[in-house]
């Protein structure tokens, strides 16, 4: 993630705990959510709350579909 260019105005920094925090501007969460999900458990969305909820919704829907079997 640290080497990937997501947006020309992105800002990333390595935190004291060794994690990498990336801040990027966006308008539509749909494409961003798909990019986030492809990194699986290696990514945690902190804010904004609306993006957190969009990611949670997609993960919940995927889990619901797999739980039917």
PDB file of N, CA and C in Angstrom:
ATOM      1  N   UNK A   1       0.809  -1.194   0.000  1.00  0.00           N
ATOM      2  CA  UNK A   1       0.000   0.000   0.000  1.00  0.00           C
ATOM      3  C   UNK A   1       0.854   1.262   0.000  1.00  0.00           C
ATOM      4  N   UNK A   2       1.925   1.234   0.734  1.00  0.00           N
ATOM      5  CA  UNK A   2       2.737   2.442   0.866  1.00  0.00           C
ATOM      6  C   UNK A   2       3.348   2.872  -0.456  1.00  0.00           C
ATOM      7  N   UNK A   3       3.580   1.931  -1.352  1.00  0.00           N
ATOM      8  CA  UNK A   3       4.202   2.259  -2.632  1.00  0.00           C
ATOM      9  C   UNK A   3       3.187   2.572  -3.729  1.00  0.00           C
ATOM     10  N   UNK A   4       1.918   2.326  -3.469  1.00  0.00           N
ATOM     11  CA  UNK A   4       0.883   2.513  -4.482  1.00  0.00           C
ATOM     12  C   UNK A   4       0.429   3.973  -4.534  1.00  0.00           C
ATOM     13  N   UNK A   5       0.253   4.482  -5.743  1.00  0.00           N
ATOM     14  CA  UNK A   5      -0.289   5.837  -5.911  1.00  0.00           C
ATOM     15  C   UNK A   5      -1.781   5.713  -6.153  1.00  0.00           C
ATOM     16  N   UNK A   6      -2.561   6.196  -5.201  1.00  0.00           N
ATOM     17  CA  UNK A   6      -4.012   6.128  -5.277  1.00  0.00           C
ATOM     18  C   UNK A   6      -4.585   7.425  -5.832  1.00  0.00           C
ATOM     19  N   UNK A   7      -3.945   8.530  -5.481  1.00  0.00           N
ATOM     20  CA  UNK A   7      -4.457   9.848  -5.860  1.00  0.00           C
ATOM     21  C   UNK A   7      -3.298  10.834  -5.839  1.00  0.00           C
ATOM     22  N   UNK A   8      -3.292  11.798  -6.786  1.00  0.00           N
ATOM     23  CA  UNK A   8      -2.185  12.767  -6.813  1.00  0.00           C
ATOM     24  C   UNK A   8      -2.064  13.602  -5.533  1.00  0.00           C
ATOM     25  N   UNK A   9      -3.153  13.740  -4.791  1.00  0.00           N
ATOM     26  CA  UNK A   9      -3.127  14.545  -3.571  1.00  0.00           C
ATOM     27  C   UNK A   9      -3.110  13.689  -2.304  1.00  0.00           C
ATOM     28  N   UNK A  10      -2.670  12.442  -2.426  1.00  0.00           N
ATOM     29  CA  UNK A  10      -2.641  11.577  -1.252  1.00  0.00           C
ATOM     30  C   UNK A  10      -1.527  11.997  -0.298  1.00  0.00           C
ATOM     31  N   UNK A  11      -1.717  11.642   0.954  1.00  0.00           N
ATOM     32  CA  UNK A  11      -0.703  11.902   1.978  1.00  0.00           C
ATOM     33  C   UNK A  11      -0.569  10.631   2.812  1.00  0.00           C
ATOM     34  N   UNK A  12       0.627  10.084   2.854  1.00  0.00           N
ATOM     35  CA  UNK A  12       0.848   8.878   3.634  1.00  0.00           C
ATOM     36  C   UNK A  12       1.985   9.065   4.613  1.00  0.00           C
ATOM     37  N   UNK A  13       1.884   8.337   5.722  1.00  0.00           N
ATOM     38  CA  UNK A  13       2.962   8.385   6.713  1.00  0.00           C
ATOM     39  C   UNK A  13       3.017   7.093   7.500  1.00  0.00           C
ATOM     40  N   UNK A  14       4.213   6.715   7.867  1.00  0.00           N
ATOM     41  CA  UNK A  14       4.437   5.558   8.713  1.00  0.00           C
ATOM     42  C   UNK A  14       4.210   5.989  10.157  1.00  0.00           C
ATOM     43  N   UNK A  15       3.397   5.241  10.887  1.00  0.00           N
ATOM     44  CA  UNK A  15       3.086   5.576  12.280  1.00  0.00           C
ATOM     45  C   UNK A  15       4.037   4.853  13.231  1.00  0.00           C
ATOM     46  N   UNK A  16       4.041   5.277  14.482  1.00  0.00           N
ATOM     47  CA  UNK A  16       4.961   4.722  15.480  1.00  0.00           C
ATOM     48  C   UNK A  16       4.808   3.223  15.668  1.00  0.00           C
ATOM     49  N   UNK A  17       3.592   2.717  15.489  1.00  0.00           N
ATOM     50  CA  UNK A  17       3.360   1.286  15.666  1.00  0.00           C
ATOM     51  C   UNK A  17       3.762   0.465  14.437  1.00  0.00           C
ATOM     52  N   UNK A  18       4.307   1.131  13.404  1.00  0.00           N
ATOM     53  CA  UNK A  18       4.748   0.441  12.202  1.00  0.00           C
ATOM     54  C   UNK A  18       3.708   0.392  11.098  1.00  0.00           C
ATOM     55  N   UNK A  19       2.482   0.784  11.416  1.00  0.00           N
ATOM     56  CA  UNK A  19       1.439   0.793  10.394  1.00  0.00           C
ATOM     57  C   UNK A  19       1.617   2.004   9.482  1.00  0.00           C
ATOM     58  N   UNK A  20       0.914   1.982   8.379  1.00  0.00           N
ATOM     59  CA  UNK A  20       1.002   3.060   7.404  1.00  0.00           C
ATOM     60  C   UNK A  20      -0.371   3.706   7.285  1.00  0.00           C
ATOM     61  N   UNK A  21      -0.440   5.005   7.458  1.00  0.00           N
ATOM     62  CA  UNK A  21      -1.700   5.731   7.364  1.00  0.00           C
ATOM     63  C   UNK A  21      -1.720   6.508   6.053  1.00  0.00           C
ATOM     64  N   UNK A  22      -2.786   6.317   5.290  1.00  0.00           N
ATOM     65  CA  UNK A  22      -2.936   6.974   4.003  1.00  0.00           C
ATOM     66  C   UNK A  22      -4.213   7.799   4.015  1.00  0.00           C
ATOM     67  N   UNK A  23      -4.096   9.053   3.629  1.00  0.00           N
ATOM     68  CA  UNK A  23      -5.250   9.942   3.520  1.00  0.00           C
ATOM     69  C   UNK A  23      -5.379  10.349   2.059  1.00  0.00           C
ATOM     70  N   UNK A  24      -6.574  10.125   1.496  1.00  0.00           N
ATOM     71  CA  UNK A  24      -6.808  10.496   0.103  1.00  0.00           C
ATOM     72  C   UNK A  24      -8.178  11.142  -0.048  1.00  0.00           C
ATOM     73  N   UNK A  25      -8.284  12.123  -0.923  1.00  0.00           N
ATOM     74  CA  UNK A  25      -9.598  12.704  -1.206  1.00  0.00           C
ATOM     75  C   UNK A  25     -10.358  11.784  -2.169  1.00  0.00           C
ATOM     76  N   UNK A  26     -11.680  11.776  -2.064  1.00  0.00           N
ATOM     77  CA  UNK A  26     -12.500  10.993  -2.991  1.00  0.00           C
ATOM     78  C   UNK A  26     -13.900  11.592  -3.035  1.00  0.00           C
ATOM     79  N   UNK A  27     -14.612  11.262  -4.093  1.00  0.00           N
ATOM     80  CA  UNK A  27     -15.997  11.734  -4.233  1.00  0.00           C
ATOM     81  C   UNK A  27     -16.991  10.590  -4.106  1.00  0.00           C
ATOM     82  N   UNK A  28     -16.716   9.514  -4.799  1.00  0.00           N
ATOM     83  CA  UNK A  28     -17.633   8.382  -4.854  1.00  0.00           C
ATOM     84  C   UNK A  28     -16.954   7.186  -4.200  1.00  0.00           C
ATOM     85  N   UNK A  29     -17.563   6.635  -3.194  1.00  0.00           N
ATOM     86  CA  UNK A  29     -16.927   5.572  -2.422  1.00  0.00           C
ATOM     87  C   UNK A  29     -16.927   4.222  -3.132  1.00  0.00           C
ATOM     88  N   UNK A  30     -17.729   4.020  -4.161  1.00  0.00           N
ATOM     89  CA  UNK A  30     -17.865   2.680  -4.757  1.00  0.00           C
ATOM     90  C   UNK A  30     -16.535   2.100  -5.234  1.00  0.00           C
ATOM     91  N   UNK A  31     -15.794   2.844  -6.026  1.00  0.00           N
ATOM     92  CA  UNK A  31     -14.517   2.328  -6.528  1.00  0.00           C
ATOM     93  C   UNK A  31     -13.493   2.216  -5.398  1.00  0.00           C
ATOM     94  N   UNK A  32     -13.485   3.172  -4.506  1.00  0.00           N
ATOM     95  CA  UNK A  32     -12.553   3.145  -3.389  1.00  0.00           C
ATOM     96  C   UNK A  32     -12.811   1.944  -2.485  1.00  0.00           C
ATOM     97  N   UNK A  33     -14.070   1.638  -2.230  1.00  0.00           N
ATOM     98  CA  UNK A  33     -14.413   0.485  -1.393  1.00  0.00           C
ATOM     99  C   UNK A  33     -13.869  -0.799  -2.027  1.00  0.00           C
ATOM    100  N   UNK A  34     -14.002  -0.945  -3.328  1.00  0.00           N
ATOM    101  CA  UNK A  34     -13.491  -2.142  -4.011  1.00  0.00           C
ATOM    102  C   UNK A  34     -11.968  -2.235  -3.869  1.00  0.00           C
ATOM    103  N   UNK A  35     -11.291  -1.100  -3.987  1.00  0.00           N
ATOM    104  CA  UNK A  35      -9.837  -1.086  -3.802  1.00  0.00           C
ATOM    105  C   UNK A  35      -9.466  -1.462  -2.374  1.00  0.00           C
ATOM    106  N   UNK A  36     -10.206  -0.956  -1.424  1.00  0.00           N
ATOM    107  CA  UNK A  36      -9.954  -1.276  -0.007  1.00  0.00           C
ATOM    108  C   UNK A  36     -10.157  -2.761   0.242  1.00  0.00           C
ATOM    109  N   UNK A  37     -11.240  -3.310  -0.277  1.00  0.00           N
ATOM    110  CA  UNK A  37     -11.566  -4.713  -0.029  1.00  0.00           C
ATOM    111  C   UNK A  37     -10.558  -5.671  -0.656  1.00  0.00           C
ATOM    112  N   UNK A  38      -9.915  -5.273  -1.732  1.00  0.00           N
ATOM    113  CA  UNK A  38      -8.947  -6.189  -2.350  1.00  0.00           C
ATOM    114  C   UNK A  38      -7.715  -6.378  -1.469  1.00  0.00           C
ATOM    115  N   UNK A  39      -7.525  -5.510  -0.493  1.00  0.00           N
ATOM    116  CA  UNK A  39      -6.416  -5.662   0.442  1.00  0.00           C
ATOM    117  C   UNK A  39      -6.819  -6.444   1.684  1.00  0.00           C
ATOM    118  N   UNK A  40      -8.078  -6.827   1.758  1.00  0.00           N
ATOM    119  CA  UNK A  40      -8.566  -7.689   2.829  1.00  0.00           C
ATOM    120  C   UNK A  40      -8.286  -7.149   4.214  1.00  0.00           C
ATOM    121  N   UNK A  41      -7.845  -8.020   5.116  1.00  0.00           N
ATOM    122  CA  UNK A  41      -7.643  -7.628   6.511  1.00  0.00           C
ATOM    123  C   UNK A  41      -6.416  -6.754   6.748  1.00  0.00           C
ATOM    124  N   UNK A  42      -5.672  -6.458   5.686  1.00  0.00           N
ATOM    125  CA  UNK A  42      -4.490  -5.615   5.851  1.00  0.00           C
ATOM    126  C   UNK A  42      -4.817  -4.130   5.889  1.00  0.00           C
ATOM    127  N   UNK A  43      -6.089  -3.794   5.660  1.00  0.00           N
ATOM    128  CA  UNK A  43      -6.513  -2.391   5.615  1.00  0.00           C
ATOM    129  C   UNK A  43      -7.639  -2.163   6.607  1.00  0.00           C
ATOM    130  N   UNK A  44      -7.568  -1.064   7.335  1.00  0.00           N
ATOM    131  CA  UNK A  44      -8.640  -0.646   8.239  1.00  0.00           C
ATOM    132  C   UNK A  44      -8.985   0.795   7.898  1.00  0.00           C
ATOM    133  N   UNK A  45     -10.262   1.031   7.597  1.00  0.00           N
ATOM    134  CA  UNK A  45     -10.721   2.393   7.337  1.00  0.00           C
ATOM    135  C   UNK A  45     -11.066   3.025   8.675  1.00  0.00           C
ATOM    136  N   UNK A  46     -10.506   4.193   8.921  1.00  0.00           N
ATOM    137  CA  UNK A  46     -10.717   4.875  10.195  1.00  0.00           C
ATOM    138  C   UNK A  46     -11.797   5.945  10.070  1.00  0.00           C
ATOM    139  N   UNK A  47     -11.751   6.688   9.002  1.00  0.00           N
ATOM    140  CA  UNK A  47     -12.724   7.741   8.755  1.00  0.00           C
ATOM    141  C   UNK A  47     -12.726   8.111   7.289  1.00  0.00           C
ATOM    142  N   UNK A  48     -13.736   8.719   6.779  1.00  0.00           N
ATOM    143  CA  UNK A  48     -14.941   9.181   7.446  1.00  0.00           C
ATOM    144  C   UNK A  48     -15.886   8.020   7.756  1.00  0.00           C
ATOM    145  N   UNK A  49     -16.762   8.265   8.663  1.00  0.00           N
ATOM    146  CA  UNK A  49     -17.701   7.240   9.125  1.00  0.00           C
ATOM    147  C   UNK A  49     -18.500   6.651   7.968  1.00  0.00           C
ATOM    148  N   UNK A  50     -18.848   7.485   6.991  1.00  0.00           N
ATOM    149  CA  UNK A  50     -19.635   6.999   5.854  1.00  0.00           C
ATOM    150  C   UNK A  50     -18.850   5.946   5.057  1.00  0.00           C
ATOM    151  N   UNK A  51     -17.541   6.132   4.919  1.00  0.00           N
ATOM    152  CA  UNK A  51     -16.720   5.146   4.209  1.00  0.00           C
ATOM    153  C   UNK A  51     -16.576   3.882   5.041  1.00  0.00           C
ATOM    154  N   UNK A  52     -16.423   4.024   6.334  1.00  0.00           N
ATOM    155  CA  UNK A  52     -16.377   2.867   7.227  1.00  0.00           C
ATOM    156  C   UNK A  52     -17.653   2.043   7.054  1.00  0.00           C
ATOM    157  N   UNK A  53     -18.793   2.710   7.035  1.00  0.00           N
ATOM    158  CA  UNK A  53     -20.079   2.025   6.896  1.00  0.00           C
ATOM    159  C   UNK A  53     -20.214   1.353   5.531  1.00  0.00           C
ATOM    160  N   UNK A  54     -19.729   1.997   4.476  1.00  0.00           N
ATOM    161  CA  UNK A  54     -19.788   1.399   3.139  1.00  0.00           C
ATOM    162  C   UNK A  54     -18.960   0.116   3.078  1.00  0.00           C
ATOM    163  N   UNK A  55     -17.773   0.124   3.682  1.00  0.00           N
ATOM    164  CA  UNK A  55     -16.928  -1.066   3.700  1.00  0.00           C
ATOM    165  C   UNK A  55     -17.588  -2.159   4.541  1.00  0.00           C
ATOM    166  N   UNK A  56     -18.105  -1.798   5.696  1.00  0.00           N
ATOM    167  CA  UNK A  56     -18.780  -2.775   6.554  1.00  0.00           C
ATOM    168  C   UNK A  56     -19.967  -3.407   5.840  1.00  0.00           C
ATOM    169  N   UNK A  57     -20.713  -2.602   5.108  1.00  0.00           N
ATOM    170  CA  UNK A  57     -21.882  -3.110   4.379  1.00  0.00           C
ATOM    171  C   UNK A  57     -21.464  -4.151   3.348  1.00  0.00           C
ATOM    172  N   UNK A  58     -20.406  -3.877   2.590  1.00  0.00           N
ATOM    173  CA  UNK A  58     -19.932  -4.830   1.588  1.00  0.00           C
ATOM    174  C   UNK A  58     -19.423  -6.117   2.237  1.00  0.00           C
ATOM    175  N   UNK A  59     -18.684  -5.991   3.329  1.00  0.00           N
ATOM    176  CA  UNK A  59     -18.182  -7.172   4.025  1.00  0.00           C
ATOM    177  C   UNK A  59     -19.318  -8.003   4.616  1.00  0.00           C
ATOM    178  N   UNK A  60     -20.303  -7.331   5.175  1.00  0.00           N
ATOM    179  CA  UNK A  60     -21.457  -8.034   5.754  1.00  0.00           C
ATOM    180  C   UNK A  60     -22.240  -8.783   4.683  1.00  0.00           C
ATOM    181  N   UNK A  61     -22.413  -8.150   3.530  1.00  0.00           N
ATOM    182  CA  UNK A  61     -23.136  -8.791   2.436  1.00  0.00           C
ATOM    183  C   UNK A  61     -22.375 -10.014   1.931  1.00  0.00           C
ATOM    184  N   UNK A  62     -21.059  -9.904   1.807  1.00  0.00           N
ATOM    185  CA  UNK A  62     -20.259 -11.053   1.374  1.00  0.00           C
ATOM    186  C   UNK A  62     -20.361 -12.192   2.380  1.00  0.00           C
ATOM    187  N   UNK A  63     -20.247 -11.874   3.651  1.00  0.00           N
ATOM    188  CA  UNK A  63     -20.349 -12.899   4.690  1.00  0.00           C
ATOM    189  C   UNK A  63     -21.732 -13.543   4.682  1.00  0.00           C
ATOM    190  N   UNK A  64     -22.764 -12.765   4.497  1.00  0.00           N
ATOM    191  CA  UNK A  64     -24.136 -13.282   4.454  1.00  0.00           C
ATOM    192  C   UNK A  64     -24.281 -14.290   3.312  1.00  0.00           C
ATOM    193  N   UNK A  65     -23.717 -13.977   2.162  1.00  0.00           N
ATOM    194  CA  UNK A  65     -23.818 -14.879   1.017  1.00  0.00           C
ATOM    195  C   UNK A  65     -23.069 -16.178   1.258  1.00  0.00           C
ATOM    196  N   UNK A  66     -21.921 -16.120   1.901  1.00  0.00           N
ATOM    197  CA  UNK A  66     -21.157 -17.325   2.175  1.00  0.00           C
ATOM    198  C   UNK A  66     -21.775 -18.133   3.324  1.00  0.00           C
ATOM    199  N   UNK A  67     -22.521 -17.501   4.181  1.00  0.00           N
ATOM    200  CA  UNK A  67     -23.113 -18.183   5.329  1.00  0.00           C
ATOM    201  C   UNK A  67     -24.328 -19.002   4.928  1.00  0.00           C
ATOM    202  N   UNK A  68     -24.842 -18.827   3.718  1.00  0.00           N
ATOM    203  CA  UNK A  68     -26.015 -19.560   3.262  1.00  0.00           C
ATOM    204  C   UNK A  68     -25.711 -21.027   3.003  1.00  0.00           C
ATOM    205  N   UNK A  69     -24.457 -21.346   2.765  1.00  0.00           N
ATOM    206  CA  UNK A  69     -24.085 -22.728   2.400  1.00  0.00           C
ATOM    207  C   UNK A  69     -24.074 -23.652   3.570  1.00  0.00           C
TER     208      UNK A  69
END
